PDB file of N, CA and C in Angstrom:
ATOM      1  N   MET A   1       6.597 -81.930 -30.187  1.00  0.00           N
ATOM      2  CA  MET A   1       5.972 -82.977 -30.919  1.00  0.00           C
ATOM      3  C   MET A   1       4.673 -82.455 -31.535  1.00  0.00           C
ATOM      4  N   MET A   2       4.387 -82.853 -32.772  1.00  0.00           N
ATOM      5  CA  MET A   2       3.203 -82.392 -33.479  1.00  0.00           C
ATOM      6  C   MET A   2       1.989 -83.196 -33.046  1.00  0.00           C
ATOM      7  N   GLY A   3       0.894 -82.473 -32.922  1.00  0.00           N
ATOM      8  CA  GLY A   3      -0.343 -83.132 -32.557  1.00  0.00           C
ATOM      9  C   GLY A   3      -0.983 -83.795 -33.777  1.00  0.00           C
ATOM     10  N   CYS A   4      -2.017 -84.551 -33.520  1.00  0.00           N
ATOM     11  CA  CYS A   4      -2.712 -85.278 -34.587  1.00  0.00           C
ATOM     12  C   CYS A   4      -3.364 -84.307 -35.562  1.00  0.00           C
ATOM     13  N   TYR A   5      -3.991 -83.245 -35.044  1.00  0.00           N
ATOM     14  CA  TYR A   5      -4.647 -82.275 -35.914  1.00  0.00           C
ATOM     15  C   TYR A   5      -3.652 -81.460 -36.725  1.00  0.00           C
ATOM     16  N   GLN A   6      -2.498 -81.177 -36.117  1.00  0.00           N
ATOM     17  CA  GLN A   6      -1.472 -80.424 -36.849  1.00  0.00           C
ATOM     18  C   GLN A   6      -0.954 -81.245 -38.021  1.00  0.00           C
ATOM     19  N   ARG A   7      -0.759 -82.537 -37.828  1.00  0.00           N
ATOM     20  CA  ARG A   7      -0.312 -83.399 -38.925  1.00  0.00           C
ATOM     21  C   ARG A   7      -1.371 -83.500 -40.017  1.00  0.00           C
ATOM     22  N   LEU A   8      -2.611 -83.566 -39.590  1.00  0.00           N
ATOM     23  CA  LEU A   8      -3.701 -83.635 -40.560  1.00  0.00           C
ATOM     24  C   LEU A   8      -3.762 -82.355 -41.387  1.00  0.00           C
ATOM     25  N   TRP A   9      -3.658 -81.200 -40.763  1.00  0.00           N
ATOM     26  CA  TRP A   9      -3.672 -79.928 -41.484  1.00  0.00           C
ATOM     27  C   TRP A   9      -2.461 -79.805 -42.402  1.00  0.00           C
ATOM     28  N   LEU A  10      -1.311 -80.256 -41.954  1.00  0.00           N
ATOM     29  CA  LEU A  10      -0.111 -80.222 -42.792  1.00  0.00           C
ATOM     30  C   LEU A  10      -0.286 -81.140 -43.999  1.00  0.00           C
ATOM     31  N   PHE A  11      -0.853 -82.315 -43.769  1.00  0.00           N
ATOM     32  CA  PHE A  11      -1.092 -83.233 -44.880  1.00  0.00           C
ATOM     33  C   PHE A  11      -2.092 -82.647 -45.863  1.00  0.00           C
ATOM     34  N   LEU A  12      -3.192 -82.084 -45.386  1.00  0.00           N
ATOM     35  CA  LEU A  12      -4.207 -81.491 -46.268  1.00  0.00           C
ATOM     36  C   LEU A  12      -3.654 -80.297 -47.043  1.00  0.00           C
ATOM     37  N   ALA A  13      -2.864 -79.458 -46.380  1.00  0.00           N
ATOM     38  CA  ALA A  13      -2.278 -78.305 -47.060  1.00  0.00           C
ATOM     39  C   ALA A  13      -1.302 -78.765 -48.135  1.00  0.00           C
ATOM     40  N   SER A  14      -0.499 -79.778 -47.830  1.00  0.00           N
ATOM     41  CA  SER A  14       0.431 -80.313 -48.829  1.00  0.00           C
ATOM     42  C   SER A  14      -0.319 -80.940 -49.993  1.00  0.00           C
ATOM     43  N   TRP A  15      -1.383 -81.668 -49.689  1.00  0.00           N
ATOM     44  CA  TRP A  15      -2.160 -82.313 -50.747  1.00  0.00           C
ATOM     45  C   TRP A  15      -2.822 -81.281 -51.655  1.00  0.00           C
ATOM     46  N   VAL A  16      -3.371 -80.201 -51.085  1.00  0.00           N
ATOM     47  CA  VAL A  16      -4.003 -79.150 -51.876  1.00  0.00           C
ATOM     48  C   VAL A  16      -2.962 -78.452 -52.748  1.00  0.00           C
ATOM     49  N   ALA A  17      -1.779 -78.184 -52.204  1.00  0.00           N
ATOM     50  CA  ALA A  17      -0.729 -77.522 -52.981  1.00  0.00           C
ATOM     51  C   ALA A  17      -0.263 -78.392 -54.139  1.00  0.00           C
ATOM     52  N   VAL A  18      -0.043 -79.669 -53.883  1.00  0.00           N
ATOM     53  CA  VAL A  18       0.428 -80.566 -54.946  1.00  0.00           C
ATOM     54  C   VAL A  18      -0.650 -80.771 -55.995  1.00  0.00           C
ATOM     55  N   SER A  19      -1.887 -80.956 -55.564  1.00  0.00           N
ATOM     56  CA  SER A  19      -2.949 -81.194 -56.541  1.00  0.00           C
ATOM     57  C   SER A  19      -3.263 -79.948 -57.354  1.00  0.00           C
ATOM     58  N   SER A  20      -3.138 -78.771 -56.769  1.00  0.00           N
ATOM     59  CA  SER A  20      -3.392 -77.552 -57.549  1.00  0.00           C
ATOM     60  C   SER A  20      -2.266 -77.285 -58.536  1.00  0.00           C
ATOM     61  N   LEU A  21      -1.048 -77.615 -58.173  1.00  0.00           N
ATOM     62  CA  LEU A  21       0.062 -77.424 -59.101  1.00  0.00           C
ATOM     63  C   LEU A  21       0.070 -78.470 -60.210  1.00  0.00           C
ATOM     64  N   SER A  22      -0.458 -79.637 -59.941  1.00  0.00           N
ATOM     65  CA  SER A  22      -0.494 -80.655 -60.985  1.00  0.00           C
ATOM     66  C   SER A  22      -1.539 -80.330 -62.038  1.00  0.00           C
ATOM     67  N   GLY A  23      -2.479 -79.464 -61.723  1.00  0.00           N
ATOM     68  CA  GLY A  23      -3.475 -79.036 -62.697  1.00  0.00           C
ATOM     69  C   GLY A  23      -2.930 -78.060 -63.712  1.00  0.00           C
ATOM     70  N   CYS A  24      -1.803 -77.438 -63.417  1.00  0.00           N
ATOM     71  CA  CYS A  24      -1.202 -76.501 -64.361  1.00  0.00           C
ATOM     72  C   CYS A  24      -0.419 -77.289 -65.405  1.00  0.00           C
ATOM     73  N   GLN A  25      -0.751 -77.057 -66.620  1.00  0.00           N
ATOM     74  CA  GLN A  25      -0.081 -77.764 -67.697  1.00  0.00           C
ATOM     75  C   GLN A  25       0.829 -76.777 -68.406  1.00  0.00           C
ATOM     76  N   SER A  26       2.064 -77.150 -68.609  1.00  0.00           N
ATOM     77  CA  SER A  26       3.012 -76.219 -69.216  1.00  0.00           C
ATOM     78  C   SER A  26       2.912 -76.193 -70.733  1.00  0.00           C
ATOM     79  N   TYR A  27       2.369 -77.237 -71.346  1.00  0.00           N
ATOM     80  CA  TYR A  27       2.285 -77.284 -72.798  1.00  0.00           C
ATOM     81  C   TYR A  27       0.874 -77.685 -73.194  1.00  0.00           C
ATOM     82  N   TRP A  28       0.293 -76.918 -74.118  1.00  0.00           N
ATOM     83  CA  TRP A  28      -1.059 -77.191 -74.579  1.00  0.00           C
ATOM     84  C   TRP A  28      -1.013 -77.427 -76.070  1.00  0.00           C
ATOM     85  N   ASP A  29      -1.360 -78.616 -76.480  1.00  0.00           N
ATOM     86  CA  ASP A  29      -1.332 -78.971 -77.891  1.00  0.00           C
ATOM     87  C   ASP A  29      -2.716 -78.712 -78.475  1.00  0.00           C
ATOM     88  N   ALA A  30      -2.921 -77.505 -78.990  1.00  0.00           N
ATOM     89  CA  ALA A  30      -4.221 -77.131 -79.538  1.00  0.00           C
ATOM     90  C   ALA A  30      -4.422 -77.744 -80.911  1.00  0.00           C
ATOM     91  N   ASP A  31      -5.650 -78.070 -81.185  1.00  0.00           N
ATOM     92  CA  ASP A  31      -6.012 -78.610 -82.489  1.00  0.00           C
ATOM     93  C   ASP A  31      -5.786 -77.529 -83.550  1.00  0.00           C
ATOM     94  N   PRO A  32      -5.183 -77.850 -84.687  1.00  0.00           N
ATOM     95  CA  PRO A  32      -4.946 -76.827 -85.715  1.00  0.00           C
ATOM     96  C   PRO A  32      -6.233 -76.198 -86.257  1.00  0.00           C
ATOM     97  N   SER A  33      -7.345 -76.898 -86.170  1.00  0.00           N
ATOM     98  CA  SER A  33      -8.598 -76.345 -86.681  1.00  0.00           C
ATOM     99  C   SER A  33      -9.401 -75.633 -85.587  1.00  0.00           C
ATOM    100  N   LEU A  34      -8.783 -75.351 -84.457  1.00  0.00           N
ATOM    101  CA  LEU A  34      -9.478 -74.683 -83.370  1.00  0.00           C
ATOM    102  C   LEU A  34      -9.881 -73.278 -83.807  1.00  0.00           C
ATOM    103  N   GLY A  35     -11.148 -72.951 -83.719  1.00  0.00           N
ATOM    104  CA  GLY A  35     -11.651 -71.636 -84.094  1.00  0.00           C
ATOM    105  C   GLY A  35     -12.034 -71.511 -85.551  1.00  0.00           C
ATOM    106  N   SER A  36     -11.908 -72.571 -86.309  1.00  0.00           N
ATOM    107  CA  SER A  36     -12.227 -72.477 -87.732  1.00  0.00           C
ATOM    108  C   SER A  36     -13.719 -72.283 -87.970  1.00  0.00           C
ATOM    109  N   SER A  37     -14.567 -72.810 -87.102  1.00  0.00           N
ATOM    110  CA  SER A  37     -16.007 -72.626 -87.280  1.00  0.00           C
ATOM    111  C   SER A  37     -16.397 -71.164 -87.067  1.00  0.00           C
ATOM    112  N   VAL A  38     -15.766 -70.504 -86.102  1.00  0.00           N
ATOM    113  CA  VAL A  38     -16.046 -69.088 -85.872  1.00  0.00           C
ATOM    114  C   VAL A  38     -15.553 -68.260 -87.055  1.00  0.00           C
ATOM    115  N   ASN A  39     -14.363 -68.552 -87.526  1.00  0.00           N
ATOM    116  CA  ASN A  39     -13.828 -67.794 -88.655  1.00  0.00           C
ATOM    117  C   ASN A  39     -14.656 -68.001 -89.918  1.00  0.00           C
ATOM    118  N   SER A  40     -15.138 -69.208 -90.155  1.00  0.00           N
ATOM    119  CA  SER A  40     -15.962 -69.437 -91.343  1.00  0.00           C
ATOM    120  C   SER A  40     -17.314 -68.754 -91.206  1.00  0.00           C
ATOM    121  N   ALA A  41     -17.869 -68.671 -90.008  1.00  0.00           N
ATOM    122  CA  ALA A  41     -19.132 -67.958 -89.812  1.00  0.00           C
ATOM    123  C   ALA A  41     -18.957 -66.463 -90.054  1.00  0.00           C
ATOM    124  N   ILE A  42     -17.838 -65.905 -89.642  1.00  0.00           N
ATOM    125  CA  ILE A  42     -17.564 -64.489 -89.891  1.00  0.00           C
ATOM    126  C   ILE A  42     -17.408 -64.236 -91.383  1.00  0.00           C
ATOM    127  N   ARG A  43     -16.690 -65.117 -92.076  1.00  0.00           N
ATOM    128  CA  ARG A  43     -16.518 -64.951 -93.521  1.00  0.00           C
ATOM    129  C   ARG A  43     -17.834 -65.075 -94.260  1.00  0.00           C
ATOM    130  N   ALA A  44     -18.740 -65.918 -93.776  1.00  0.00           N
ATOM    131  CA  ALA A  44     -20.025 -66.112 -94.439  1.00  0.00           C
ATOM    132  C   ALA A  44     -20.939 -64.900 -94.285  1.00  0.00           C
ATOM    133  N   GLN A  45     -20.712 -64.063 -93.281  1.00  0.00           N
ATOM    134  CA  GLN A  45     -21.574 -62.921 -93.035  1.00  0.00           C
ATOM    135  C   GLN A  45     -21.106 -61.655 -93.730  1.00  0.00           C
ATOM    136  N   VAL A  46     -19.992 -61.698 -94.393  1.00  0.00           N
ATOM    137  CA  VAL A  46     -19.492 -60.520 -95.099  1.00  0.00           C
ATOM    138  C   VAL A  46     -20.291 -60.351 -96.382  1.00  0.00           C
ATOM    139  N   ALA A  47     -20.847 -59.151 -96.603  1.00  0.00           N
ATOM    140  CA  ALA A  47     -21.700 -58.919 -97.767  1.00  0.00           C
ATOM    141  C   ALA A  47     -20.898 -58.934 -99.056  1.00  0.00           C
ATOM    142  N   ASN A  48     -19.753 -58.290 -99.066  1.00  0.00           N
ATOM    143  CA  ASN A  48     -18.931 -58.224-100.262  1.00  0.00           C
ATOM    144  C   ASN A  48     -17.479 -58.454 -99.848  1.00  0.00           C
ATOM    145  N   PRO A  49     -16.980 -59.681 -99.970  1.00  0.00           N
ATOM    146  CA  PRO A  49     -15.619 -59.949 -99.505  1.00  0.00           C
ATOM    147  C   PRO A  49     -14.544 -59.237-100.332  1.00  0.00           C
ATOM    148  N   ASN A  50     -14.850 -58.833-101.560  1.00  0.00           N
ATOM    149  CA  ASN A  50     -13.872 -58.136-102.406  1.00  0.00           C
ATOM    150  C   ASN A  50     -14.145 -56.639-102.451  1.00  0.00           C
ATOM    151  N   ALA A  51     -14.654 -56.078-101.384  1.00  0.00           N
ATOM    152  CA  ALA A  51     -15.040 -54.670-101.368  1.00  0.00           C
ATOM    153  C   ALA A  51     -13.880 -53.717-101.645  1.00  0.00           C
ATOM    154  N   PRO A  52     -12.717 -53.891-101.073  1.00  0.00           N
ATOM    155  CA  PRO A  52     -11.649 -52.930-101.366  1.00  0.00           C
ATOM    156  C   PRO A  52     -11.153 -53.008-102.809  1.00  0.00           C
ATOM    157  N   GLN A  53     -11.345 -54.144-103.472  1.00  0.00           N
ATOM    158  CA  GLN A  53     -10.809 -54.312-104.813  1.00  0.00           C
ATOM    159  C   GLN A  53     -11.746 -53.766-105.887  1.00  0.00           C
ATOM    160  N   THR A  54     -13.051 -53.737-105.632  1.00  0.00           N
ATOM    161  CA  THR A  54     -13.992 -53.252-106.635  1.00  0.00           C
ATOM    162  C   THR A  54     -14.330 -51.802-106.381  1.00  0.00           C
ATOM    163  N   LYS A  55     -14.609 -51.055-107.447  1.00  0.00           N
ATOM    164  CA  LYS A  55     -14.941 -49.634-107.339  1.00  0.00           C
ATOM    165  C   LYS A  55     -16.404 -49.385-107.673  1.00  0.00           C
ATOM    166  N   GLN A  56     -17.252 -50.398-107.609  1.00  0.00           N
ATOM    167  CA  GLN A  56     -18.649 -50.251-107.973  1.00  0.00           C
ATOM    168  C   GLN A  56     -19.459 -49.809-106.766  1.00  0.00           C
ATOM    169  N   SER A  57     -20.517 -49.043-107.047  1.00  0.00           N
ATOM    170  CA  SER A  57     -21.415 -48.648-105.963  1.00  0.00           C
ATOM    171  C   SER A  57     -22.395 -49.785-105.698  1.00  0.00           C
ATOM    172  N   PRO A  58     -22.857 -49.922-104.487  1.00  0.00           N
ATOM    173  CA  PRO A  58     -23.786 -51.015-104.187  1.00  0.00           C
ATOM    174  C   PRO A  58     -25.115 -50.806-104.899  1.00  0.00           C
ATOM    175  N   LYS A  59     -25.722 -51.887-105.376  1.00  0.00           N
ATOM    176  CA  LYS A  59     -26.981 -51.822-106.119  1.00  0.00           C
ATOM    177  C   LYS A  59     -28.086 -52.522-105.338  1.00  0.00           C
ATOM    178  N   GLN A  60     -28.125 -52.357-104.047  1.00  0.00           N
ATOM    179  CA  GLN A  60     -29.123 -53.027-103.236  1.00  0.00           C
ATOM    180  C   GLN A  60     -30.241 -52.058-102.880  1.00  0.00           C
ATOM    181  N   GLY A  61     -31.472 -52.526-102.886  1.00  0.00           N
ATOM    182  CA  GLY A  61     -32.601 -51.733-102.433  1.00  0.00           C
ATOM    183  C   GLY A  61     -33.110 -50.771-103.482  1.00  0.00           C
ATOM    184  N   MET A  62     -33.810 -49.728-103.028  1.00  0.00           N
ATOM    185  CA  MET A  62     -34.424 -48.744-103.911  1.00  0.00           C
ATOM    186  C   MET A  62     -33.536 -47.510-103.995  1.00  0.00           C
ATOM    187  N   ASP A  63     -33.793 -46.706-105.039  1.00  0.00           N
ATOM    188  CA  ASP A  63     -33.110 -45.416-105.087  1.00  0.00           C
ATOM    189  C   ASP A  63     -33.811 -44.468-104.115  1.00  0.00           C
ATOM    190  N   GLY A  64     -33.192 -43.357-103.827  1.00  0.00           N
ATOM    191  CA  GLY A  64     -33.704 -42.448-102.807  1.00  0.00           C
ATOM    192  C   GLY A  64     -35.054 -41.850-103.127  1.00  0.00           C
ATOM    193  N   VAL A  65     -35.302 -41.492-104.394  1.00  0.00           N
ATOM    194  CA  VAL A  65     -36.563 -40.858-104.774  1.00  0.00           C
ATOM    195  C   VAL A  65     -37.725 -41.836-104.594  1.00  0.00           C
ATOM    196  N   ALA A  66     -37.566 -43.059-105.057  1.00  0.00           N
ATOM    197  CA  ALA A  66     -38.629 -44.053-104.927  1.00  0.00           C
ATOM    198  C   ALA A  66     -38.879 -44.399-103.458  1.00  0.00           C
ATOM    199  N   ALA A  67     -37.821 -44.487-102.670  1.00  0.00           N
ATOM    200  CA  ALA A  67     -37.991 -44.803-101.252  1.00  0.00           C
ATOM    201  C   ALA A  67     -38.737 -43.687-100.533  1.00  0.00           C
ATOM    202  N   LYS A  68     -38.411 -42.426-100.841  1.00  0.00           N
ATOM    203  CA  LYS A  68     -39.104 -41.307-100.202  1.00  0.00           C
ATOM    204  C   LYS A  68     -40.571 -41.273-100.596  1.00  0.00           C
ATOM    205  N   LYS A  69     -40.876 -41.536-101.856  1.00  0.00           N
ATOM    206  CA  LYS A  69     -42.272 -41.543-102.291  1.00  0.00           C
ATOM    207  C   LYS A  69     -43.053 -42.657-101.613  1.00  0.00           C
ATOM    208  N   SER A  70     -42.460 -43.805-101.454  1.00  0.00           N
ATOM    209  CA  SER A  70     -43.180 -44.904-100.806  1.00  0.00           C
ATOM    210  C   SER A  70     -43.428 -44.608 -99.330  1.00  0.00           C
ATOM    211  N   VAL A  71     -42.475 -43.989 -98.656  1.00  0.00           N
ATOM    212  CA  VAL A  71     -42.676 -43.633 -97.254  1.00  0.00           C
ATOM    213  C   VAL A  71     -43.737 -42.550 -97.135  1.00  0.00           C
ATOM    214  N   ASP A  72     -43.709 -41.563 -98.039  1.00  0.00           N
ATOM    215  CA  ASP A  72     -44.719 -40.507 -98.009  1.00  0.00           C
ATOM    216  C   ASP A  72     -46.116 -41.072 -98.271  1.00  0.00           C
ATOM    217  N   ASN A  73     -46.234 -41.984 -99.230  1.00  0.00           N
ATOM    218  CA  ASN A  73     -47.528 -42.606 -99.505  1.00  0.00           C
ATOM    219  C   ASN A  73     -48.014 -43.424 -98.316  1.00  0.00           C
ATOM    220  N   TYR A  74     -47.104 -44.099 -97.651  1.00  0.00           N
ATOM    221  CA  TYR A  74     -47.470 -44.887 -96.469  1.00  0.00           C
ATOM    222  C   TYR A  74     -48.007 -43.980 -95.371  1.00  0.00           C
ATOM    223  N   GLN A  75     -47.315 -42.882 -95.104  1.00  0.00           N
ATOM    224  CA  GLN A  75     -47.772 -41.971 -94.058  1.00  0.00           C
ATOM    225  C   GLN A  75     -49.062 -41.265 -94.451  1.00  0.00           C
ATOM    226  N   LYS A  76     -49.221 -40.956 -95.729  1.00  0.00           N
ATOM    227  CA  LYS A  76     -50.424 -40.291 -96.203  1.00  0.00           C
ATOM    228  C   LYS A  76     -51.633 -41.221 -96.111  1.00  0.00           C
ATOM    229  N   SER A  77     -51.423 -42.520 -96.221  1.00  0.00           N
ATOM    230  CA  SER A  77     -52.547 -43.460 -96.167  1.00  0.00           C
ATOM    231  C   SER A  77     -53.259 -43.405 -94.823  1.00  0.00           C
ATOM    232  N   PHE A  78     -52.569 -43.105 -93.762  1.00  0.00           N
ATOM    233  CA  PHE A  78     -53.207 -43.000 -92.450  1.00  0.00           C
ATOM    234  C   PHE A  78     -54.045 -41.732 -92.357  1.00  0.00           C
ATOM    235  N   ASP A  79     -53.578 -40.626 -92.942  1.00  0.00           N
ATOM    236  CA  ASP A  79     -54.347 -39.378 -92.926  1.00  0.00           C
ATOM    237  C   ASP A  79     -55.611 -39.519 -93.757  1.00  0.00           C
ATOM    238  N   ASP A  80     -55.539 -40.176 -94.903  1.00  0.00           N
ATOM    239  CA  ASP A  80     -56.700 -40.347 -95.770  1.00  0.00           C
ATOM    240  C   ASP A  80     -57.778 -41.181 -95.092  1.00  0.00           C
ATOM    241  N   LYS A  81     -57.407 -42.244 -94.428  1.00  0.00           N
ATOM    242  CA  LYS A  81     -58.372 -43.115 -93.781  1.00  0.00           C
ATOM    243  C   LYS A  81     -59.052 -42.419 -92.614  1.00  0.00           C
ATOM    244  N   ALA A  82     -58.318 -41.626 -91.867  1.00  0.00           N
ATOM    245  CA  ALA A  82     -58.884 -40.965 -90.706  1.00  0.00           C
ATOM    246  C   ALA A  82     -59.871 -39.881 -91.120  1.00  0.00           C
ATOM    247  N   SER A  83     -59.629 -39.179 -92.212  1.00  0.00           N
ATOM    248  CA  SER A  83     -60.499 -38.077 -92.599  1.00  0.00           C
ATOM    249  C   SER A  83     -61.710 -38.543 -93.392  1.00  0.00           C
ATOM    250  N   THR A  84     -61.639 -39.661 -94.111  1.00  0.00           N
ATOM    251  CA  THR A  84     -62.744 -40.094 -94.964  1.00  0.00           C
ATOM    252  C   THR A  84     -63.585 -41.208 -94.377  1.00  0.00           C
ATOM    253  N   SER A  85     -63.186 -41.826 -93.318  1.00  0.00           N
ATOM    254  CA  SER A  85     -63.936 -42.984 -92.826  1.00  0.00           C
ATOM    255  C   SER A  85     -65.219 -42.586 -92.120  1.00  0.00           C
ATOM    256  N   GLY A  86     -65.254 -41.460 -91.458  1.00  0.00           N
ATOM    257  CA  GLY A  86     -66.438 -41.036 -90.738  1.00  0.00           C
ATOM    258  C   GLY A  86     -66.626 -41.744 -89.413  1.00  0.00           C
ATOM    259  N   MET A  87     -65.797 -42.704 -89.104  1.00  0.00           N
ATOM    260  CA  MET A  87     -65.893 -43.417 -87.842  1.00  0.00           C
ATOM    261  C   MET A  87     -64.958 -42.764 -86.833  1.00  0.00           C
ATOM    262  N   PRO A  88     -65.334 -42.760 -85.580  1.00  0.00           N
ATOM    263  CA  PRO A  88     -64.437 -42.178 -84.573  1.00  0.00           C
ATOM    264  C   PRO A  88     -63.197 -43.052 -84.389  1.00  0.00           C
ATOM    265  N   SER A  89     -62.141 -42.428 -83.991  1.00  0.00           N
ATOM    266  CA  SER A  89     -60.912 -43.176 -83.743  1.00  0.00           C
ATOM    267  C   SER A  89     -61.057 -43.986 -82.468  1.00  0.00           C
ATOM    268  N   LEU A  90     -60.199 -44.943 -82.295  1.00  0.00           N
ATOM    269  CA  LEU A  90     -60.284 -45.806 -81.122  1.00  0.00           C
ATOM    270  C   LEU A  90     -59.965 -45.053 -79.842  1.00  0.00           C
ATOM    271  N   VAL A  91     -59.010 -44.152 -79.888  1.00  0.00           N
ATOM    272  CA  VAL A  91     -58.639 -43.372 -78.719  1.00  0.00           C
ATOM    273  C   VAL A  91     -58.891 -41.916 -79.066  1.00  0.00           C
ATOM    274  N   ASN A  92     -59.843 -41.303 -78.404  1.00  0.00           N
ATOM    275  CA  ASN A  92     -60.188 -39.920 -78.675  1.00  0.00           C
ATOM    276  C   ASN A  92     -59.911 -39.124 -77.408  1.00  0.00           C
ATOM    277  N   ILE A  93     -58.769 -38.531 -77.344  1.00  0.00           N
ATOM    278  CA  ILE A  93     -58.349 -37.812 -76.145  1.00  0.00           C
ATOM    279  C   ILE A  93     -59.086 -36.489 -76.020  1.00  0.00           C
ATOM    280  N   ASN A  94     -59.419 -35.832 -77.128  1.00  0.00           N
ATOM    281  CA  ASN A  94     -60.064 -34.517 -77.068  1.00  0.00           C
ATOM    282  C   ASN A  94     -61.444 -34.581 -76.434  1.00  0.00           C
ATOM    283  N   ASN A  95     -62.265 -35.575 -76.741  1.00  0.00           N
ATOM    284  CA  ASN A  95     -63.586 -35.662 -76.146  1.00  0.00           C
ATOM    285  C   ASN A  95     -63.521 -35.904 -74.647  1.00  0.00           C
ATOM    286  N   ALA A  96     -62.546 -36.648 -74.219  1.00  0.00           N
ATOM    287  CA  ALA A  96     -62.438 -36.952 -72.798  1.00  0.00           C
ATOM    288  C   ALA A  96     -62.036 -35.724 -72.003  1.00  0.00           C
ATOM    289  N   SER A  97     -61.268 -34.824 -72.599  1.00  0.00           N
ATOM    290  CA  SER A  97     -60.762 -33.678 -71.832  1.00  0.00           C
ATOM    291  C   SER A  97     -61.727 -32.493 -71.839  1.00  0.00           C
ATOM    292  N   THR A  98     -62.666 -32.400 -72.815  1.00  0.00           N
ATOM    293  CA  THR A  98     -63.532 -31.236 -72.879  1.00  0.00           C
ATOM    294  C   THR A  98     -64.782 -31.371 -72.027  1.00  0.00           C
ATOM    295  N   GLY A  99     -65.181 -32.576 -71.729  1.00  0.00           N
ATOM    296  CA  GLY A  99     -66.364 -32.764 -70.913  1.00  0.00           C
ATOM    297  C   GLY A  99     -67.647 -32.657 -71.720  1.00  0.00           C
ATOM    298  N   ASN A 100     -67.587 -32.649 -73.035  1.00  0.00           N
ATOM    299  CA  ASN A 100     -68.768 -32.549 -73.874  1.00  0.00           C
ATOM    300  C   ASN A 100     -69.215 -33.918 -74.372  1.00  0.00           C
ATOM    301  N   ASN A 101     -69.111 -34.925 -73.570  1.00  0.00           N
ATOM    302  CA  ASN A 101     -69.520 -36.264 -73.967  1.00  0.00           C
ATOM    303  C   ASN A 101     -71.037 -36.368 -73.926  1.00  0.00           C
ATOM    304  N   PRO A 102     -71.688 -36.917 -74.974  1.00  0.00           N
ATOM    305  CA  PRO A 102     -73.149 -37.033 -74.949  1.00  0.00           C
ATOM    306  C   PRO A 102     -73.651 -38.092 -74.004  1.00  0.00           C
TER     307      PRO A 102
END
């Protein structure tokens, strides 16, 4: 004869098995527009959607010569300011290491 606790465990095990199997759905009717927002966001981020069809080179930004000159001028501006200002730099590692501080 089954005890009270054995019947309770059998009932709980049966209930868990039935309830877990009832959660499985064999057919899922997905909305036809499911994922359309993601696909439209991807399409919106494409720079040139007709890229394989056109044979033109991209015309964005500067040409190489102008870009190099602007970068060189930018880097040169720091050298000019440091040599002509006459003011000490904010971080002077050489004075700290030589011990010749006044």
